[in-house]
Protein backbone atom coordinates (compact mmCIF):
# COMPACT_ATOMS: atom_id res chain seq x y z
CA UNK A 1 7.99 27.45 34.88
CA UNK A 2 10.14 29.64 33.55
CA UNK A 3 8.88 32.71 31.81
CA UNK A 4 5.36 34.14 31.66
CA UNK A 5 3.01 31.85 33.69
CA UNK A 6 0.22 30.42 30.94
CA UNK A 7 -3.07 30.55 30.51
CA UNK A 8 -5.17 27.23 29.84
CA UNK A 9 -8.17 26.57 28.06
CA UNK A 10 -11.35 24.25 28.50
CA UNK A 11 -12.98 23.51 26.18
CA UNK A 12 -16.15 21.30 26.68
CA UNK A 13 -16.56 20.78 23.43
CA UNK A 14 -15.30 20.81 19.55
CA UNK A 15 -17.58 23.88 18.13
CA UNK A 16 -16.11 25.65 21.61
CA UNK A 17 -12.78 23.98 20.51
CA UNK A 18 -13.02 26.11 17.15
CA UNK A 19 -14.28 29.11 18.56
CA UNK A 20 -11.06 28.99 21.03
CA UNK A 21 -8.85 28.37 17.88
CA UNK A 22 -10.97 31.71 16.47
CA UNK A 23 -9.69 33.97 19.54
CA UNK A 24 -6.36 32.85 19.18
CA UNK A 25 -5.39 32.48 16.49
CA UNK A 26 -2.22 30.78 15.71
CA UNK A 27 -1.93 28.09 18.49
CA UNK A 28 -0.87 24.86 18.08
CA UNK A 29 -2.03 22.00 20.57
CA UNK A 30 0.93 20.02 19.57
CA UNK A 31 3.92 22.96 20.18
CA UNK A 32 4.86 21.23 23.43
CA UNK A 33 5.14 17.53 23.26
CA UNK A 34 6.99 14.90 25.32
CA UNK A 35 10.13 15.03 23.07
CA UNK A 36 10.12 18.63 23.52
CA UNK A 37 9.77 19.10 27.53
CA UNK A 38 12.53 16.65 28.21
CA UNK A 39 15.36 18.47 25.42
CA UNK A 40 14.52 22.17 27.51
CA UNK A 41 17.62 21.56 30.13
CA UNK A 42 16.53 23.61 32.37
CA UNK A 43 15.19 23.39 35.94
CA UNK A 44 12.48 25.67 34.31
CA UNK A 45 10.00 24.10 32.01
CA UNK A 46 9.31 26.48 29.18
CA UNK A 47 5.22 26.16 27.80
CA UNK A 48 3.42 28.46 25.35
CA UNK A 49 1.47 31.25 26.34
CA UNK A 50 -2.18 29.18 26.30
CA UNK A 51 -2.68 26.19 26.13
CA UNK A 52 -5.28 24.57 24.98
CA UNK A 53 -6.70 21.63 27.18
CA UNK A 54 -8.22 18.73 25.38
CA UNK A 55 -8.82 16.54 28.14
CA UNK A 56 -12.46 16.44 27.69
CA UNK A 57 -13.44 16.23 24.44
CA UNK A 58 -13.84 13.05 23.75
CA UNK A 59 -13.81 13.10 20.07
CA UNK A 60 -9.83 13.04 20.38
CA UNK A 61 -10.12 10.32 22.60
CA UNK A 62 -12.40 8.00 21.40
CA UNK A 63 -11.03 4.78 19.16
CA UNK A 64 -13.51 3.00 17.11
CA UNK A 65 -13.13 -0.56 14.73
CA UNK A 66 -15.00 -1.28 11.82
CA UNK A 67 -14.24 -3.65 9.54
CA UNK A 68 -11.13 -2.25 7.52
CA UNK A 69 -10.78 0.52 9.48
CA UNK A 70 -9.01 1.08 13.17
CA UNK A 71 -10.06 5.10 13.59
CA UNK A 72 -8.34 7.26 16.50
CA UNK A 73 -8.56 10.71 17.81
CA UNK A 74 -4.89 12.46 17.80
CA UNK A 75 -5.32 12.46 22.19
CA UNK A 76 -5.33 8.88 21.96
CA UNK A 77 -1.96 7.82 23.92
CA UNK A 78 0.33 5.75 22.22
CA UNK A 79 -0.14 2.59 25.24
CA UNK A 80 -3.55 2.63 23.88
CA UNK A 81 -2.76 1.70 20.86
CA UNK A 82 -0.64 -1.58 22.22
CA UNK A 83 -3.62 -2.58 24.64
CA UNK A 84 -6.13 -3.45 21.18
CA UNK A 85 -3.49 -6.14 21.15
CA UNK A 86 -3.41 -8.45 17.85
CA UNK A 87 -6.35 -5.50 15.78
CA UNK A 88 -2.75 -3.64 14.56
CA UNK A 89 -1.19 -4.65 12.28
CA UNK A 90 1.67 -6.00 12.85
CA UNK A 91 4.63 -3.72 11.54
CA UNK A 92 2.84 -0.53 14.00
CA UNK A 93 2.34 -2.26 17.44
CA UNK A 94 6.50 -3.65 16.65
CA UNK A 95 7.19 0.45 15.81
CA UNK A 96 5.85 1.26 19.31
CA UNK A 97 7.50 -1.32 20.89
CA UNK A 98 11.01 -1.07 19.38
CA UNK A 99 10.61 2.78 18.96
CA UNK A 100 9.23 3.67 22.58
CA UNK A 101 9.46 2.73 26.10
CA UNK A 102 6.46 2.03 28.03
CA UNK A 103 6.92 5.52 30.12
CA UNK A 104 6.82 6.84 27.01
CA UNK A 105 4.07 4.58 25.27
CA UNK A 106 1.54 6.32 28.34
CA UNK A 107 2.94 10.13 27.67
CA UNK A 108 2.96 11.06 24.08
CA UNK A 109 0.16 10.86 22.39
CA UNK A 110 -0.05 9.16 18.52
CA UNK A 111 -1.21 12.69 17.32
CA UNK A 112 1.52 14.46 18.98
CA UNK A 113 4.41 11.58 17.72
CA UNK A 114 2.82 11.93 13.99
CA UNK A 115 3.28 16.19 14.51
CA UNK A 116 5.97 17.34 15.88
CA UNK A 117 8.61 18.99 14.90
CA UNK A 118 11.87 17.07 14.55
CA UNK A 119 14.51 15.68 12.55
CA UNK A 120 14.25 11.88 13.13
CA UNK A 121 10.85 10.05 13.06
CA UNK A 122 11.23 6.71 12.95
CA UNK A 123 7.56 5.91 13.16
CA UNK A 124 6.79 7.19 9.91
CA UNK A 125 8.10 4.22 8.49
CA UNK A 126 5.56 1.94 9.63
CA UNK A 127 2.56 4.43 8.74
CA UNK A 128 3.45 5.23 5.39
CA UNK A 129 3.94 1.55 4.50
CA UNK A 130 0.39 0.76 6.55
CA UNK A 131 -1.60 3.17 4.24
CA UNK A 132 -2.37 4.83 7.29
CA UNK A 133 -4.70 8.42 6.37
CA UNK A 134 -4.84 12.05 8.73
CA UNK A 135 -7.98 13.29 9.38
CA UNK A 136 -7.25 17.48 9.47
CA UNK A 137 -10.08 19.87 10.52
CA UNK A 138 -10.79 23.81 10.38
CA UNK A 139 -14.34 24.75 11.91
CA UNK A 140 -15.69 23.61 8.59
CA UNK A 141 -13.64 21.77 6.52
CA UNK A 142 -12.34 18.90 6.87
CA UNK A 143 -9.87 17.24 4.35
CA UNK A 144 -7.30 13.76 4.31
CA UNK A 145 -4.26 13.03 3.31
CA UNK A 146 -1.39 10.66 3.02
CA UNK A 147 0.11 9.95 6.51
CA UNK A 148 3.82 10.43 4.19
CA UNK A 149 3.08 14.02 3.93
CA UNK A 150 3.10 14.73 7.78
CA UNK A 151 7.00 14.11 7.48
CA UNK A 152 10.39 16.52 7.24
CA UNK A 153 10.76 19.94 8.71
CA UNK A 154 8.37 20.92 6.86
CA UNK A 155 5.22 19.50 7.64
CA UNK A 156 3.82 22.42 10.26
CA UNK A 157 3.39 24.27 6.04
CA UNK A 158 0.88 21.44 5.23
CA UNK A 159 -2.13 22.67 8.24
CA UNK A 160 -4.37 25.76 7.26
CA UNK A 161 -5.10 28.19 9.58
CA UNK A 162 -6.67 27.01 12.39
CA UNK A 163 -6.12 23.11 11.06
CA UNK A 164 -5.67 20.53 13.11
CA UNK A 165 -5.37 16.60 13.26
CA UNK A 166 -8.40 15.03 14.23
CA UNK A 167 -8.50 11.29 13.49
CA UNK A 168 -5.85 8.42 12.39
CA UNK A 169 -7.02 5.63 10.18
CA UNK A 170 -4.83 2.44 10.53
CA UNK A 171 -5.92 0.21 7.60
CA UNK A 172 -6.31 -3.77 8.92
CA UNK A 173 -5.32 -5.38 5.46
CA UNK A 174 -4.10 -8.89 5.85
CA UNK A 175 -0.19 -8.65 5.26
CA UNK A 176 1.21 -12.21 4.82
CA UNK A 177 4.32 -11.55 6.00
CA UNK A 178 5.59 -8.58 7.52
CA UNK A 179 9.73 -7.70 8.84
CA UNK A 180 10.45 -5.05 11.08
CA UNK A 181 14.10 -4.13 11.81
CA UNK A 182 14.97 -1.03 14.53
CA UNK A 183 18.96 0.66 13.05
CA UNK A 184 19.33 0.62 16.65
CA UNK A 185 21.95 4.47 16.92
CA UNK A 186 25.92 3.83 16.32
CA UNK A 187 27.42 6.77 18.86
CA UNK A 188 23.99 8.52 19.09
CA UNK A 189 24.23 9.41 15.14
CA UNK A 190 20.86 10.10 14.66
CA UNK A 191 21.86 10.31 11.09
CA UNK A 192 23.01 5.76 11.44
CA UNK A 193 20.08 4.68 12.16
CA UNK A 194 16.08 4.67 11.57
CA UNK A 195 13.81 1.47 11.67
CA UNK A 196 12.44 -0.32 8.19
CA UNK A 197 9.58 -2.29 7.36
CA UNK A 198 8.31 -4.69 4.80
CA UNK A 199 4.79 -5.77 4.21
CA UNK A 200 4.27 -8.62 1.08
CA UNK A 201 0.49 -9.29 0.47
CA UNK A 202 0.30 -12.96 -1.37
CA UNK A 203 -2.04 -14.96 -3.83
CA UNK A 204 -2.12 -18.64 -5.07
CA UNK A 205 1.62 -18.23 -4.70
CA UNK A 206 2.36 -14.58 -7.26
CA UNK A 207 4.06 -11.64 -4.73
CA UNK A 208 0.98 -9.66 -5.77
CA UNK A 209 2.55 -6.35 -3.19
CA UNK A 210 4.97 -5.23 -1.55
CA UNK A 211 6.24 -2.49 0.79
CA UNK A 212 10.07 -1.32 1.32
CA UNK A 213 10.32 2.14 3.68
CA UNK A 214 12.55 3.02 5.83
CA UNK A 215 12.28 6.42 7.62
CA UNK A 216 15.16 8.27 10.47
CA UNK A 217 16.45 11.49 9.26
CA UNK A 218 14.35 10.67 6.42
CA UNK A 219 11.69 8.58 4.33
CA UNK A 220 12.87 6.04 1.50
CA UNK A 221 10.75 4.82 -0.30
CA UNK A 222 10.58 3.74 -4.10
CA UNK A 223 6.91 2.12 -5.66
CA UNK A 224 9.14 1.86 -8.78
CA UNK A 225 10.95 -0.49 -6.85
CA UNK A 226 8.09 -2.54 -5.30
CA UNK A 227 6.54 -3.24 -8.71
CA UNK A 228 9.79 -5.07 -9.96
CA UNK A 229 8.89 -7.57 -7.74
CA UNK A 230 4.62 -7.61 -8.45
CA UNK A 231 3.11 -10.68 -10.52
CA UNK A 232 6.62 -12.59 -9.72
CA UNK A 233 5.74 -16.18 -8.55
CA UNK A 234 7.14 -18.29 -5.41
CA UNK A 235 10.29 -18.94 -5.69
CA UNK A 236 12.08 -15.85 -6.60
CA UNK A 237 14.93 -16.41 -8.43
CA UNK A 238 17.95 -15.98 -6.96
CA UNK A 239 18.27 -13.70 -10.25
CA UNK A 240 15.52 -11.51 -9.56
CA UNK A 241 15.67 -11.57 -5.73
CA UNK A 242 19.60 -10.08 -6.50
CA UNK A 243 18.25 -7.84 -8.94
CA UNK A 244 15.86 -5.49 -6.46
CA UNK A 245 18.64 -5.61 -4.77
CA UNK A 246 21.13 -4.23 -6.99
CA UNK A 247 17.88 -1.96 -7.12
CA UNK A 248 17.90 -0.52 -3.97
CA UNK A 249 21.70 -0.15 -3.67
CA UNK A 250 21.56 2.67 -6.87
CA UNK A 251 19.02 4.41 -5.85
CA UNK A 252 19.08 5.01 -2.54
CA UNK A 253 19.78 8.88 -2.24
CA UNK A 254 23.60 10.44 -2.63
CA UNK A 255 23.00 12.11 0.67
CA UNK A 256 22.60 8.52 2.92
CA UNK A 257 26.12 8.22 5.72
CA UNK A 258 27.61 5.32 4.39
CA UNK A 259 27.39 2.77 7.61
CA UNK A 260 23.48 3.69 6.67
CA UNK A 261 22.96 3.00 2.89
CA UNK A 262 25.39 -1.12 4.32
CA UNK A 263 22.59 -1.25 6.95
CA UNK A 264 19.52 -0.74 4.73
CA UNK A 265 20.56 -2.99 2.09
CA UNK A 266 21.32 -6.02 3.70
CA UNK A 267 17.88 -6.04 5.42
CA UNK A 268 16.46 -5.52 2.30
CA UNK A 269 18.55 -8.33 0.66
CA UNK A 270 18.09 -10.70 3.79
CA UNK A 271 14.99 -10.08 3.78
CA UNK A 272 13.94 -10.76 0.15
CA UNK A 273 16.24 -14.09 0.72
CA UNK A 274 12.62 -15.55 2.42
CA UNK A 275 10.95 -15.50 -0.60
CA UNK A 276 13.35 -17.16 -2.21
CA UNK A 277 14.11 -21.40 -3.12
């Protein structure tokens, strides 16, 4: 390891943890993620001057299930989520399987994947589509935010001083239709790839809810497009399906690269045809 020798702190309780944060203000327990360490090119790995070891903080490593949610601590590893099996919503299971190899799933925590600063965040699509929420906490206050708040390069500005991500709440809502696609990189251009999710709920042959979210170097979602189909009786008329695809075509952000634009529209068009005659 290069640079100064790191000081490692080992709190035995959350109360002790908050005391350390207050004493050494400005510490970010996600400041060096597995991805950032892999991207260091030298023969020596640079680590922060102060490291807080959370191994003894059971609250950050816990997984609890209720009838409506799975709640995990922020330090739960991705592979632990996968091992829960079919109780995990299909969109999240598929995202973890597509985006992270077994080694990475055993290395990266869910909190690290969410909070790590990166220009490329394909996991966000599944989290946003499923309505996942995050608990942010200081030593004295707690608040919940939507998954969409912690995306993009400005996500660090969401946190208050000495506030960390403690829990992730994953809804166990039933979706009748889940379709995901990993848009692989072409010539290693991250701007041309990402992950896209479609969820649909059907009640009495009526499309009662539909969500489509893409994430990569940016998040693309528009509830106005989705609500245009709500209440439609199934199977959809071909003209309604075509109109929905055109809504996407006409409202995609202008900065989406041409090839990625074609891939997103191809997904939307083929996915929506599942609901036609």
